[in-house]
Full PDB file with SEQRES, HELIX, SHEET, SSBOND, CRYST1, ORIGX, SCALE, CONECT and MASTER records, all heavy atoms in Angstrom:
SEQRES   1 A   39  GLN ARG ASN CYS PRO SER CYS GLY ARG MET HIS PHE PRO          
SEQRES   2 A   39  ARG THR ASP PRO VAL VAL ILE MET LEU ILE THR HIS GLY          
SEQRES   3 A   39  ASN LYS VAL LEU VAL GLY ARG GLY ALA GLY TRP PRO GLU          
SHEET    1 AA1 2 ARG A   2  ASN A   3  0                                        
SHEET    2 AA1 2 MET A  10  HIS A  11 -1                                        
SHEET    1 AA2 2 THR A  24  HIS A  25  0                                        
SHEET    2 AA2 2 LYS A  28  VAL A  29 -1                                        
CRYST1    1.000    1.000    1.000  90.00  90.00  90.00 P 1           1          
ORIGX1      1.000000  0.000000  0.000000        0.00000                         
ORIGX2      0.000000  1.000000  0.000000        0.00000                         
ORIGX3      0.000000  0.000000  1.000000        0.00000                         
SCALE1      1.000000  0.000000  0.000000        0.00000                         
SCALE2      0.000000  1.000000  0.000000        0.00000                         
SCALE3      0.000000  0.000000  1.000000        0.00000                         
ATOM      1  N   GLN A   1      38.801   2.723  71.533  1.00  0.00           N  
ATOM      2  CA  GLN A   1      37.588   2.155  70.952  1.00  0.00           C  
ATOM      3  C   GLN A   1      37.033   1.133  71.927  1.00  0.00           C  
ATOM      4  O   GLN A   1      37.743   0.568  72.754  1.00  0.00           O  
ATOM      5  CB  GLN A   1      37.931   1.477  69.612  1.00  0.00           C  
ATOM      6  CG  GLN A   1      36.754   0.990  68.799  1.00  0.00           C  
ATOM      7  CD  GLN A   1      37.197   0.519  67.419  1.00  0.00           C  
ATOM      8  OE1 GLN A   1      38.044   1.141  66.783  1.00  0.00           O  
ATOM      9  NE2 GLN A   1      36.625  -0.572  66.942  1.00  0.00           N  
ATOM     10  N   ARG A   2      35.726   0.894  71.839  1.00  0.00           N  
ATOM     11  CA  ARG A   2      35.078  -0.202  72.550  1.00  0.00           C  
ATOM     12  C   ARG A   2      34.233  -0.970  71.539  1.00  0.00           C  
ATOM     13  O   ARG A   2      33.511  -0.354  70.743  1.00  0.00           O  
ATOM     14  CB  ARG A   2      34.203   0.293  73.705  1.00  0.00           C  
ATOM     15  CG  ARG A   2      34.960   0.985  74.823  1.00  0.00           C  
ATOM     16  CD  ARG A   2      34.077   1.263  76.032  1.00  0.00           C  
ATOM     17  NE  ARG A   2      33.793   0.041  76.765  1.00  0.00           N  
ATOM     18  CZ  ARG A   2      34.469  -0.362  77.848  1.00  0.00           C  
ATOM     19  NH1 ARG A   2      35.485   0.355  78.310  1.00  0.00           N  
ATOM     20  NH2 ARG A   2      34.125  -1.477  78.472  1.00  0.00           N  
ATOM     21  N   ASN A   3      34.319  -2.303  71.591  1.00  0.00           N  
ATOM     22  CA  ASN A   3      33.576  -3.155  70.667  1.00  0.00           C  
ATOM     23  C   ASN A   3      32.607  -4.032  71.443  1.00  0.00           C  
ATOM     24  O   ASN A   3      32.967  -4.566  72.501  1.00  0.00           O  
ATOM     25  CB  ASN A   3      34.529  -4.039  69.864  1.00  0.00           C  
ATOM     26  CG  ASN A   3      35.443  -3.238  68.958  1.00  0.00           C  
ATOM     27  OD1 ASN A   3      35.122  -2.124  68.557  1.00  0.00           O  
ATOM     28  ND2 ASN A   3      36.592  -3.797  68.631  1.00  0.00           N  
ATOM     29  N   CYS A   4      31.411  -4.156  70.913  1.00  0.00           N  
ATOM     30  CA  CYS A   4      30.406  -4.998  71.556  1.00  0.00           C  
ATOM     31  C   CYS A   4      30.534  -6.430  71.034  1.00  0.00           C  
ATOM     32  O   CYS A   4      30.368  -6.666  69.835  1.00  0.00           O  
ATOM     33  CB  CYS A   4      29.003  -4.463  71.284  1.00  0.00           C  
ATOM     34  SG  CYS A   4      27.708  -5.489  72.040  1.00  0.00           S  
ATOM     35  N   PRO A   5      30.798  -7.402  71.912  1.00  0.00           N  
ATOM     36  CA  PRO A   5      30.918  -8.787  71.453  1.00  0.00           C  
ATOM     37  C   PRO A   5      29.583  -9.423  71.106  1.00  0.00           C  
ATOM     38  O   PRO A   5      29.540 -10.492  70.494  1.00  0.00           O  
ATOM     39  CB  PRO A   5      31.566  -9.487  72.652  1.00  0.00           C  
ATOM     40  CG  PRO A   5      31.105  -8.696  73.833  1.00  0.00           C  
ATOM     41  CD  PRO A   5      31.029  -7.273  73.361  1.00  0.00           C  
ATOM     42  N   SER A   6      28.488  -8.768  71.482  1.00  0.00           N  
ATOM     43  CA  SER A   6      27.165  -9.332  71.239  1.00  0.00           C  
ATOM     44  C   SER A   6      26.599  -8.933  69.874  1.00  0.00           C  
ATOM     45  O   SER A   6      26.216  -9.780  69.073  1.00  0.00           O  
ATOM     46  CB  SER A   6      26.196  -8.899  72.344  1.00  0.00           C  
ATOM     47  OG  SER A   6      24.895  -9.383  72.115  1.00  0.00           O  
ATOM     48  N   CYS A   7      26.580  -7.620  69.595  1.00  0.00           N  
ATOM     49  CA  CYS A   7      25.966  -7.167  68.344  1.00  0.00           C  
ATOM     50  C   CYS A   7      26.981  -6.646  67.339  1.00  0.00           C  
ATOM     51  O   CYS A   7      26.618  -6.312  66.208  1.00  0.00           O  
ATOM     52  CB  CYS A   7      24.908  -6.102  68.614  1.00  0.00           C  
ATOM     53  SG  CYS A   7      25.577  -4.512  69.173  1.00  0.00           S  
ATOM     54  N   GLY A   8      28.251  -6.550  67.742  1.00  0.00           N  
ATOM     55  CA  GLY A   8      29.285  -6.108  66.822  1.00  0.00           C  
ATOM     56  C   GLY A   8      29.416  -4.609  66.676  1.00  0.00           C  
ATOM     57  O   GLY A   8      30.236  -4.128  65.890  1.00  0.00           O  
ATOM     58  N   ARG A   9      28.635  -3.842  67.435  1.00  0.00           N  
ATOM     59  CA  ARG A   9      28.699  -2.384  67.333  1.00  0.00           C  
ATOM     60  C   ARG A   9      30.042  -1.868  67.850  1.00  0.00           C  
ATOM     61  O   ARG A   9      30.543  -2.328  68.878  1.00  0.00           O  
ATOM     62  CB  ARG A   9      27.557  -1.762  68.136  1.00  0.00           C  
ATOM     63  CG  ARG A   9      27.507  -0.246  68.125  1.00  0.00           C  
ATOM     64  CD  ARG A   9      27.020   0.299  66.800  1.00  0.00           C  
ATOM     65  NE  ARG A   9      26.968   1.738  66.822  1.00  0.00           N  
ATOM     66  CZ  ARG A   9      25.874   2.449  67.148  1.00  0.00           C  
ATOM     67  NH1 ARG A   9      24.756   1.823  67.485  1.00  0.00           N  
ATOM     68  NH2 ARG A   9      25.892   3.758  67.122  1.00  0.00           N  
ATOM     69  N   MET A  10      30.641  -0.915  67.136  1.00  0.00           N  
ATOM     70  CA  MET A  10      31.879  -0.273  67.563  1.00  0.00           C  
ATOM     71  C   MET A  10      31.554   1.101  68.132  1.00  0.00           C  
ATOM     72  O   MET A  10      30.754   1.842  67.570  1.00  0.00           O  
ATOM     73  CB  MET A  10      32.841  -0.150  66.380  1.00  0.00           C  
ATOM     74  CG  MET A  10      33.315  -1.485  65.829  1.00  0.00           C  
ATOM     75  SD  MET A  10      34.500  -1.296  64.470  1.00  0.00           S  
ATOM     76  CE  MET A  10      33.421  -0.574  63.211  1.00  0.00           C  
ATOM     77  N   HIS A  11      32.207   1.436  69.246  1.00  0.00           N  
ATOM     78  CA  HIS A  11      31.974   2.712  69.917  1.00  0.00           C  
ATOM     79  C   HIS A  11      33.295   3.458  70.027  1.00  0.00           C  
ATOM     80  O   HIS A  11      34.344   2.859  70.279  1.00  0.00           O  
ATOM     81  CB  HIS A  11      31.383   2.486  71.307  1.00  0.00           C  
ATOM     82  CG  HIS A  11      30.112   1.704  71.303  1.00  0.00           C  
ATOM     83  ND1 HIS A  11      28.880   2.298  71.145  1.00  0.00           N  
ATOM     84  CD2 HIS A  11      29.879   0.368  71.411  1.00  0.00           C  
ATOM     85  CE1 HIS A  11      27.930   1.364  71.179  1.00  0.00           C  
ATOM     86  NE2 HIS A  11      28.514   0.184  71.338  1.00  0.00           N  
ATOM     87  N   PHE A  12      33.220   4.778  69.857  1.00  0.00           N  
ATOM     88  CA  PHE A  12      34.428   5.609  69.838  1.00  0.00           C  
ATOM     89  C   PHE A  12      34.295   6.735  70.865  1.00  0.00           C  
ATOM     90  O   PHE A  12      33.186   7.189  71.165  1.00  0.00           O  
ATOM     91  CB  PHE A  12      34.641   6.192  68.442  1.00  0.00           C  
ATOM     92  CG  PHE A  12      34.769   5.140  67.373  1.00  0.00           C  
ATOM     93  CD1 PHE A  12      33.657   4.700  66.674  1.00  0.00           C  
ATOM     94  CD2 PHE A  12      36.006   4.570  67.092  1.00  0.00           C  
ATOM     95  CE1 PHE A  12      33.770   3.714  65.709  1.00  0.00           C  
ATOM     96  CE2 PHE A  12      36.126   3.593  66.124  1.00  0.00           C  
ATOM     97  CZ  PHE A  12      35.013   3.158  65.424  1.00  0.00           C  
ATOM     98  N   PRO A  13      35.433   7.206  71.396  1.00  0.00           N  
ATOM     99  CA  PRO A  13      35.379   8.309  72.369  1.00  0.00           C  
ATOM    100  C   PRO A  13      34.633   9.511  71.810  1.00  0.00           C  
ATOM    101  O   PRO A  13      34.794   9.864  70.639  1.00  0.00           O  
ATOM    102  CB  PRO A  13      36.860   8.643  72.608  1.00  0.00           C  
ATOM    103  CG  PRO A  13      37.585   7.386  72.272  1.00  0.00           C  
ATOM    104  CD  PRO A  13      36.810   6.762  71.140  1.00  0.00           C  
ATOM    105  N   ARG A  14      33.817  10.119  72.639  1.00  0.00           N  
ATOM    106  CA  ARG A  14      33.027  11.261  72.194  1.00  0.00           C  
ATOM    107  C   ARG A  14      33.545  12.546  72.811  1.00  0.00           C  
ATOM    108  O   ARG A  14      34.090  12.564  73.918  1.00  0.00           O  
ATOM    109  CB  ARG A  14      31.549  11.073  72.554  1.00  0.00           C  
ATOM    110  CG  ARG A  14      31.274  10.952  74.038  1.00  0.00           C  
ATOM    111  CD  ARG A  14      29.789  10.847  74.314  1.00  0.00           C  
ATOM    112  NE  ARG A  14      29.095  12.065  73.927  1.00  0.00           N  
ATOM    113  CZ  ARG A  14      27.758  12.163  73.867  1.00  0.00           C  
ATOM    114  NH1 ARG A  14      27.008  11.113  74.145  1.00  0.00           N  
ATOM    115  NH2 ARG A  14      27.197  13.297  73.536  1.00  0.00           N  
ATOM    116  N   THR A  15      33.381  13.595  72.057  1.00  0.00           N  
ATOM    117  CA  THR A  15      33.686  14.933  72.529  1.00  0.00           C  
ATOM    118  C   THR A  15      32.457  15.791  72.306  1.00  0.00           C  
ATOM    119  O   THR A  15      31.936  15.849  71.189  1.00  0.00           O  
ATOM    120  CB  THR A  15      34.889  15.529  71.763  1.00  0.00           C  
ATOM    121  OG1 THR A  15      36.050  14.738  72.022  1.00  0.00           O  
ATOM    122  CG2 THR A  15      35.163  16.953  72.214  1.00  0.00           C  
ATOM    123  N   ASP A  16      31.979  16.428  73.340  1.00  0.00           N  
ATOM    124  CA  ASP A  16      30.758  17.230  73.251  1.00  0.00           C  
ATOM    125  C   ASP A  16      31.100  18.671  72.898  1.00  0.00           C  
ATOM    126  O   ASP A  16      31.823  19.338  73.646  1.00  0.00           O  
ATOM    127  CB  ASP A  16      29.999  17.189  74.575  1.00  0.00           C  
ATOM    128  CG  ASP A  16      29.574  15.779  74.950  1.00  0.00           C  
ATOM    129  OD1 ASP A  16      29.094  15.066  74.064  1.00  0.00           O  
ATOM    130  OD2 ASP A  16      29.737  15.405  76.115  1.00  0.00           O  
ATOM    131  N   PRO A  17      30.580  19.199  71.773  1.00  0.00           N  
ATOM    132  CA  PRO A  17      30.853  20.598  71.417  1.00  0.00           C  
ATOM    133  C   PRO A  17      30.043  21.564  72.279  1.00  0.00           C  
ATOM    134  O   PRO A  17      28.831  21.407  72.445  1.00  0.00           O  
ATOM    135  CB  PRO A  17      30.440  20.675  69.948  1.00  0.00           C  
ATOM    136  CG  PRO A  17      29.410  19.605  69.780  1.00  0.00           C  
ATOM    137  CD  PRO A  17      29.784  18.511  70.738  1.00  0.00           C  
ATOM    138  N   VAL A  18      30.740  22.546  72.815  1.00  0.00           N  
ATOM    139  CA  VAL A  18      30.119  23.572  73.665  1.00  0.00           C  
ATOM    140  C   VAL A  18      30.517  24.941  73.127  1.00  0.00           C  
ATOM    141  O   VAL A  18      31.699  25.193  72.892  1.00  0.00           O  
ATOM    142  CB  VAL A  18      30.584  23.448  75.126  1.00  0.00           C  
ATOM    143  CG1 VAL A  18      29.971  24.548  75.983  1.00  0.00           C  
ATOM    144  CG2 VAL A  18      30.252  22.077  75.682  1.00  0.00           C  
ATOM    145  N   VAL A  19      29.546  25.808  72.921  1.00  0.00           N  
ATOM    146  CA  VAL A  19      29.872  27.184  72.528  1.00  0.00           C  
ATOM    147  C   VAL A  19      30.004  28.036  73.785  1.00  0.00           C  
ATOM    148  O   VAL A  19      29.248  27.890  74.749  1.00  0.00           O  
ATOM    149  CB  VAL A  19      28.799  27.787  71.596  1.00  0.00           C  
ATOM    150  CG1 VAL A  19      28.858  27.121  70.227  1.00  0.00           C  
ATOM    151  CG2 VAL A  19      27.397  27.670  72.175  1.00  0.00           C  
ATOM    152  N   ILE A  20      30.996  28.903  73.782  1.00  0.00           N  
ATOM    153  CA  ILE A  20      31.179  29.887  74.845  1.00  0.00           C  
ATOM    154  C   ILE A  20      31.401  31.225  74.167  1.00  0.00           C  
ATOM    155  O   ILE A  20      32.184  31.315  73.217  1.00  0.00           O  
ATOM    156  CB  ILE A  20      32.330  29.512  75.794  1.00  0.00           C  
ATOM    157  CG1 ILE A  20      32.437  30.549  76.929  1.00  0.00           C  
ATOM    158  CG2 ILE A  20      33.652  29.319  75.067  1.00  0.00           C  
ATOM    159  CD1 ILE A  20      33.301  30.083  78.090  1.00  0.00           C  
ATOM    160  N   MET A  21      30.679  32.266  74.571  1.00  0.00           N  
ATOM    161  CA  MET A  21      30.602  33.445  73.725  1.00  0.00           C  
ATOM    162  C   MET A  21      30.845  34.765  74.452  1.00  0.00           C  
ATOM    163  O   MET A  21      30.345  34.996  75.549  1.00  0.00           O  
ATOM    164  CB  MET A  21      29.251  33.516  72.998  1.00  0.00           C  
ATOM    165  CG  MET A  21      28.059  33.024  73.764  1.00  0.00           C  
ATOM    166  SD  MET A  21      27.903  31.220  73.636  1.00  0.00           S  
ATOM    167  CE  MET A  21      26.365  30.927  74.499  1.00  0.00           C  
ATOM    168  N   LEU A  22      31.630  35.564  73.789  1.00  0.00           N  
ATOM    169  CA  LEU A  22      31.863  36.946  74.193  1.00  0.00           C  
ATOM    170  C   LEU A  22      30.770  37.778  73.531  1.00  0.00           C  
ATOM    171  O   LEU A  22      30.870  38.121  72.357  1.00  0.00           O  
ATOM    172  CB  LEU A  22      33.247  37.403  73.746  1.00  0.00           C  
ATOM    173  CG  LEU A  22      33.608  38.845  74.079  1.00  0.00           C  
ATOM    174  CD1 LEU A  22      34.156  38.937  75.498  1.00  0.00           C  
ATOM    175  CD2 LEU A  22      34.639  39.387  73.096  1.00  0.00           C  
ATOM    176  N   ILE A  23      29.733  38.092  74.274  1.00  0.00           N  
ATOM    177  CA  ILE A  23      28.621  38.875  73.739  1.00  0.00           C  
ATOM    178  C   ILE A  23      28.818  40.330  74.161  1.00  0.00           C  
ATOM    179  O   ILE A  23      28.858  40.648  75.358  1.00  0.00           O  
ATOM    180  CB  ILE A  23      27.266  38.337  74.251  1.00  0.00           C  
ATOM    181  CG1 ILE A  23      27.105  36.865  73.890  1.00  0.00           C  
ATOM    182  CG2 ILE A  23      26.124  39.187  73.685  1.00  0.00           C  
ATOM    183  CD1 ILE A  23      27.170  36.580  72.391  1.00  0.00           C  
ATOM    184  N   THR A  24      28.952  41.188  73.178  1.00  0.00           N  
ATOM    185  CA  THR A  24      29.227  42.601  73.471  1.00  0.00           C  
ATOM    186  C   THR A  24      28.145  43.500  72.888  1.00  0.00           C  
ATOM    187  O   THR A  24      27.451  43.139  71.932  1.00  0.00           O  
ATOM    188  CB  THR A  24      30.594  43.029  72.911  1.00  0.00           C  
ATOM    189  OG1 THR A  24      30.622  42.788  71.490  1.00  0.00           O  
ATOM    190  CG2 THR A  24      31.718  42.252  73.569  1.00  0.00           C  
ATOM    191  N   HIS A  25      28.043  44.665  73.481  1.00  0.00           N  
ATOM    192  CA  HIS A  25      27.181  45.724  72.965  1.00  0.00           C  
ATOM    193  C   HIS A  25      27.948  47.021  73.193  1.00  0.00           C  
ATOM    194  O   HIS A  25      28.011  47.522  74.316  1.00  0.00           O  
ATOM    195  CB  HIS A  25      25.831  45.746  73.676  1.00  0.00           C  
ATOM    196  CG  HIS A  25      24.827  46.659  73.028  1.00  0.00           C  
ATOM    197  ND1 HIS A  25      24.787  48.027  73.259  1.00  0.00           N  
ATOM    198  CD2 HIS A  25      23.835  46.404  72.123  1.00  0.00           C  
ATOM    199  CE1 HIS A  25      23.809  48.563  72.556  1.00  0.00           C  
ATOM    200  NE2 HIS A  25      23.208  47.597  71.851  1.00  0.00           N  
ATOM    201  N   GLY A  26      28.571  47.515  72.128  1.00  0.00           N  
ATOM    202  CA  GLY A  26      29.437  48.673  72.290  1.00  0.00           C  
ATOM    203  C   GLY A  26      30.622  48.339  73.162  1.00  0.00           C  
ATOM    204  O   GLY A  26      31.397  47.422  72.886  1.00  0.00           O  
ATOM    205  N   ASN A  27      30.717  49.033  74.291  1.00  0.00           N  
ATOM    206  CA  ASN A  27      31.842  48.884  75.208  1.00  0.00           C  
ATOM    207  C   ASN A  27      31.558  47.892  76.332  1.00  0.00           C  
ATOM    208  O   ASN A  27      32.354  47.753  77.257  1.00  0.00           O  
ATOM    209  CB  ASN A  27      32.175  50.261  75.818  1.00  0.00           C  
ATOM    210  CG  ASN A  27      33.502  50.278  76.550  1.00  0.00           C  
ATOM    211  OD1 ASN A  27      34.485  49.752  76.054  1.00  0.00           O  
ATOM    212  ND2 ASN A  27      33.516  50.869  77.739  1.00  0.00           N  
ATOM    213  N   LYS A  28      30.438  47.164  76.248  1.00  0.00           N  
ATOM    214  CA  LYS A  28      30.034  46.296  77.346  1.00  0.00           C  
ATOM    215  C   LYS A  28      30.064  44.825  76.939  1.00  0.00           C  
ATOM    216  O   LYS A  28      29.880  44.483  75.777  1.00  0.00           O  
ATOM    217  CB  LYS A  28      28.624  46.663  77.822  1.00  0.00           C  
ATOM    218  CG  LYS A  28      28.513  48.060  78.424  1.00  0.00           C  
ATOM    219  CD  LYS A  28      27.093  48.331  78.887  1.00  0.00           C  
ATOM    220  CE  LYS A  28      26.977  49.723  79.509  1.00  0.00           C  
ATOM    221  NZ  LYS A  28      25.592  49.993  79.964  1.00  0.00           N  
ATOM    222  N   VAL A  29      30.277  43.954  77.933  1.00  0.00           N  
ATOM    223  CA  VAL A  29      30.284  42.513  77.723  1.00  0.00           C  
ATOM    224  C   VAL A  29      29.303  41.871  78.697  1.00  0.00           C  
ATOM    225  O   VAL A  29      29.133  42.325  79.834  1.00  0.00           O  
ATOM    226  CB  VAL A  29      31.710  41.938  77.916  1.00  0.00           C  
ATOM    227  CG1 VAL A  29      32.206  42.163  79.342  1.00  0.00           C  
ATOM    228  CG2 VAL A  29      31.744  40.458  77.567  1.00  0.00           C  
ATOM    229  N   LEU A  30      28.656  40.806  78.244  1.00  0.00           N  
ATOM    230  CA  LEU A  30      27.644  40.115  79.035  1.00  0.00           C  
ATOM    231  C   LEU A  30      28.280  38.961  79.802  1.00  0.00           C  
ATOM    232  O   LEU A  30      28.972  38.123  79.227  1.00  0.00           O  
ATOM    233  CB  LEU A  30      26.548  39.576  78.113  1.00  0.00           C  
ATOM    234  CG  LEU A  30      25.376  38.834  78.756  1.00  0.00           C  
ATOM    235  CD1 LEU A  30      24.574  39.763  79.668  1.00  0.00           C  
ATOM    236  CD2 LEU A  30      24.466  38.250  77.669  1.00  0.00           C  
ATOM    237  N   VAL A  31      28.044  38.905  81.120  1.00  0.00           N  
ATOM    238  CA  VAL A  31      28.527  37.808  81.949  1.00  0.00           C  
ATOM    239  C   VAL A  31      27.368  37.249  82.760  1.00  0.00           C  
ATOM    240  O   VAL A  31      26.349  37.917  82.967  1.00  0.00           O  
ATOM    241  CB  VAL A  31      29.657  38.257  82.901  1.00  0.00           C  
ATOM    242  CG1 VAL A  31      30.869  38.727  82.117  1.00  0.00           C  
ATOM    243  CG2 VAL A  31      29.178  39.331  83.869  1.00  0.00           C  
ATOM    244  N   GLY A  32      27.529  36.014  83.208  1.00  0.00           N  
ATOM    245  CA  GLY A  32      26.487  35.384  84.006  1.00  0.00           C  
ATOM    246  C   GLY A  32      27.075  34.342  84.929  1.00  0.00           C  
ATOM    247  O   GLY A  32      28.273  34.063  84.908  1.00  0.00           O  
ATOM    248  N   ARG A  33      26.222  33.756  85.764  1.00  0.00           N  
ATOM    249  CA  ARG A  33      26.672  32.731  86.700  1.00  0.00           C  
ATOM    250  C   ARG A  33      25.608  31.656  86.833  1.00  0.00           C  
ATOM    251  O   ARG A  33      24.399  31.922  86.748  1.00  0.00           O  
ATOM    252  CB  ARG A  33      27.006  33.308  88.080  1.00  0.00           C  
ATOM    253  CG  ARG A  33      25.874  34.010  88.768  1.00  0.00           C  
ATOM    254  CD  ARG A  33      26.266  34.516  90.163  1.00  0.00           C  
ATOM    255  NE  ARG A  33      26.121  33.467  91.165  1.00  0.00           N  
ATOM    256  CZ  ARG A  33      27.140  32.941  91.846  1.00  0.00           C  
ATOM    257  NH1 ARG A  33      28.363  33.360  91.618  1.00  0.00           N  
ATOM    258  NH2 ARG A  33      26.936  32.010  92.748  1.00  0.00           N  
ATOM    259  N   GLY A  34      26.058  30.417  87.033  1.00  0.00           N  
ATOM    260  CA  GLY A  34      25.149  29.309  87.246  1.00  0.00           C  
ATOM    261  C   GLY A  34      24.812  29.147  88.715  1.00  0.00           C  
ATOM    262  O   GLY A  34      25.549  29.591  89.598  1.00  0.00           O  
ATOM    263  N   ALA A  35      23.701  28.492  88.980  1.00  0.00           N  
ATOM    264  CA  ALA A  35      23.298  28.231  90.356  1.00  0.00           C  
ATOM    265  C   ALA A  35      24.332  27.323  91.022  1.00  0.00           C  
ATOM    266  O   ALA A  35      24.827  26.371  90.427  1.00  0.00           O  
ATOM    267  CB  ALA A  35      21.927  27.569  90.386  1.00  0.00           C  
ATOM    268  N   GLY A  36      24.675  27.650  92.255  1.00  0.00           N  
ATOM    269  CA  GLY A  36      25.615  26.825  92.995  1.00  0.00           C  
ATOM    270  C   GLY A  36      27.073  27.175  92.781  1.00  0.00           C  
ATOM    271  O   GLY A  36      27.961  26.547  93.377  1.00  0.00           O  
ATOM    272  N   TRP A  37      27.346  28.151  91.914  1.00  0.00           N  
ATOM    273  CA  TRP A  37      28.743  28.558  91.720  1.00  0.00           C  
ATOM    274  C   TRP A  37      29.251  29.278  92.960  1.00  0.00           C  
ATOM    275  O   TRP A  37      28.470  29.903  93.697  1.00  0.00           O  
ATOM    276  CB  TRP A  37      28.856  29.488  90.518  1.00  0.00           C  
ATOM    277  CG  TRP A  37      28.744  28.798  89.190  1.00  0.00           C  
ATOM    278  CD1 TRP A  37      28.310  27.528  88.956  1.00  0.00           C  
ATOM    279  CD2 TRP A  37      29.045  29.361  87.914  1.00  0.00           C  
ATOM    280  NE1 TRP A  37      28.336  27.264  87.606  1.00  0.00           N  
ATOM    281  CE2 TRP A  37      28.786  28.364  86.946  1.00  0.00           C  
ATOM    282  CE3 TRP A  37      29.517  30.599  87.496  1.00  0.00           C  
ATOM    283  CZ2 TRP A  37      28.974  28.585  85.586  1.00  0.00           C  
ATOM    284  CZ3 TRP A  37      29.710  30.824  86.137  1.00  0.00           C  
ATOM    285  CH2 TRP A  37      29.442  29.830  85.196  1.00  0.00           C  
ATOM    286  N   PRO A  38      30.562  29.228  93.213  1.00  0.00           N  
ATOM    287  CA  PRO A  38      31.115  29.957  94.358  1.00  0.00           C  
ATOM    288  C   PRO A  38      30.817  31.455  94.261  1.00  0.00           C  
ATOM    289  O   PRO A  38      30.665  32.004  93.167  1.00  0.00           O  
ATOM    290  CB  PRO A  38      32.621  29.694  94.242  1.00  0.00           C  
ATOM    291  CG  PRO A  38      32.725  28.416  93.476  1.00  0.00           C  
ATOM    292  CD  PRO A  38      31.583  28.431  92.506  1.00  0.00           C  
ATOM    293  N   GLU A  39      30.753  32.095  95.409  1.00  0.00           N  
ATOM    294  CA  GLU A  39      30.459  33.531  95.453  1.00  0.00           C  
ATOM    295  C   GLU A  39      31.474  34.318  94.623  1.00  0.00           C  
ATOM    296  O   GLU A  39      32.680  34.087  94.695  1.00  0.00           O  
ATOM    297  CB  GLU A  39      30.494  34.023  96.902  1.00  0.00           C  
ATOM    298  CG  GLU A  39      30.115  35.485  97.059  1.00  0.00           C  
ATOM    299  CD  GLU A  39      30.130  35.938  98.497  1.00  0.00           C  
ATOM    300  OE1 GLU A  39      30.361  35.087  99.384  1.00  0.00           O  
ATOM    301  OE2 GLU A  39      29.918  37.147  98.737  1.00  0.00           O  
TER     302      GLU A  39                                                      
MASTER        0    0    0    0    4    0    0    6  301    1    0    3          
END                                                                             
């Protein structure tokens, strides 16, 4: 935890939810790549 001595606000560790998905169509799966990823 982190506490603000000025305004009294309490702060807690955050975890960002990310979805990652297996998208299929019949026998196929969709894949992709971001810019700058290794070859």
